[in-house]
Structure formats: C-alpha cells, structure tokens
Amino acid sequence: MDERRDKSRHRVLKAGTIEFGGGAIDCTVRNYSEAGAALDVTSPLGIPDQFTLFVPADGTHLPCHVVWRKEKRIGVKFD
C-alpha cells in the first residue's frame, strides 16, 4: 500500500476526548503524527467537521478537522 500522507504516523493506543460546542465524545487515538491522527469512535454520527482533540496522557488540546470518516474510525488533520 502506498503511503499518501506527508508525515508518517506512529501507532499509539491512547484515550482521547473529542470536544465541541460544550459537548464531548470519548475516542481512542490509534495512530498519530505532527499533521494528524486516526481516531476510533463508537459512532461517527454527531461528530462535527471541526473540533478539539484532548489527549489527557499528553495534556494536549489539538484543534483539528475531519479529513475522512469510516464506520467507527475518523481521520483528522491538525489545524
């Protein structure tokens, strides 16, 4: 499979929270790079195109936008 990303991603398994408009949805960060990440979610329904990803283990709040959506995974690019 050809890699189409500008930056290579590293596999991780970290808890995260998708934060938006006063709401929050738990997720799992599956892979990560300087440019973006893949997130596992229970359902992508109701997740807006732009949100802040909070990763408690790192103490980071990352503004991002959705690049792609699949059944239970979304790909995001950091803003």
Protein backbone atom coordinates (compact mmCIF):
# COMPACT_ATOMS: atom_id res chain seq x y z
CA MET A 1 0.00 0.00 0.00
CA ASP A 2 1.37 3.42 -0.93
CA GLU A 3 1.65 6.00 1.82
CA ARG A 4 -0.24 9.16 0.82
CA ARG A 5 0.43 11.21 3.95
CA ASP A 6 3.01 13.99 4.13
CA LYS A 7 4.18 12.80 7.56
CA SER A 8 4.40 9.17 8.65
CA ARG A 9 2.15 8.21 11.53
CA HIS A 10 3.08 6.16 14.54
CA ARG A 11 0.79 3.58 16.09
CA VAL A 12 -0.45 4.50 19.54
CA LEU A 13 -3.27 3.48 21.84
CA LYS A 14 -4.31 6.48 23.91
CA ALA A 15 -7.60 7.63 25.34
CA GLY A 16 -8.87 10.90 23.92
CA THR A 17 -11.86 13.19 24.01
CA ILE A 18 -13.48 14.95 21.06
CA GLU A 19 -14.59 18.33 22.42
CA PHE A 20 -17.03 20.64 20.63
CA GLY A 21 -19.70 23.21 21.47
CA GLY A 22 -19.97 22.23 25.12
CA GLY A 23 -20.18 18.51 24.29
CA ALA A 24 -17.62 15.73 24.44
CA ILE A 25 -17.28 12.23 22.99
CA ASP A 26 -14.70 9.66 24.11
CA CYS A 27 -12.37 8.21 21.48
CA THR A 28 -9.20 6.19 21.14
CA VAL A 29 -6.20 7.63 19.28
CA ARG A 30 -4.93 4.78 17.07
CA ASN A 31 -2.15 6.50 15.14
CA TYR A 32 -0.59 9.92 15.37
CA SER A 33 1.81 12.31 13.61
CA GLU A 34 2.62 16.02 13.67
CA ALA A 35 -0.03 16.53 10.99
CA GLY A 36 -2.97 14.36 12.09
CA ALA A 37 -4.38 11.21 13.63
CA ALA A 38 -6.83 8.35 13.25
CA LEU A 39 -9.46 8.09 15.98
CA ASP A 40 -11.66 5.14 16.88
CA VAL A 41 -15.16 6.18 17.94
CA THR A 42 -18.31 4.31 18.90
CA SER A 43 -20.12 6.08 16.06
CA PRO A 44 -19.05 8.96 13.82
CA LEU A 45 -22.61 10.30 13.84
CA GLY A 46 -22.92 13.65 15.59
CA ILE A 47 -19.21 14.42 15.41
CA PRO A 48 -18.77 17.82 13.72
CA ASP A 49 -16.26 18.52 10.95
CA GLN A 50 -14.16 20.69 13.29
CA PHE A 51 -13.41 20.04 16.97
CA THR A 52 -10.66 19.96 19.59
CA LEU A 53 -8.97 16.65 20.37
CA PHE A 54 -7.94 16.39 24.03
CA VAL A 55 -5.37 13.71 24.88
CA PRO A 56 -5.14 13.52 28.70
CA ALA A 57 -1.97 11.36 28.71
CA ASP A 58 -0.10 14.15 26.88
CA GLY A 59 -2.09 17.06 28.31
CA THR A 60 -2.66 18.33 24.76
CA HIS A 61 -5.63 20.14 23.22
CA LEU A 62 -5.34 19.96 19.42
CA PRO A 63 -7.73 21.87 17.12
CA CYS A 64 -8.45 19.70 14.09
CA HIS A 65 -10.81 18.98 11.23
CA VAL A 66 -12.11 15.70 9.79
CA VAL A 67 -10.49 14.52 6.55
CA TRP A 68 -12.27 11.16 6.23
CA ARG A 69 -14.86 9.01 8.02
CA LYS A 70 -15.37 5.25 8.05
CA GLU A 71 -17.65 3.04 10.14
CA LYS A 72 -16.01 3.53 13.52
CA ARG A 73 -12.88 5.50 12.63
CA ILE A 74 -12.25 9.08 11.57
CA GLY A 75 -9.10 10.67 10.21
CA VAL A 76 -8.24 14.19 11.29
CA LYS A 77 -5.72 16.82 10.30
CA PHE A 78 -4.45 19.22 12.95
CA ASP A 79 -5.07 22.93 12.32
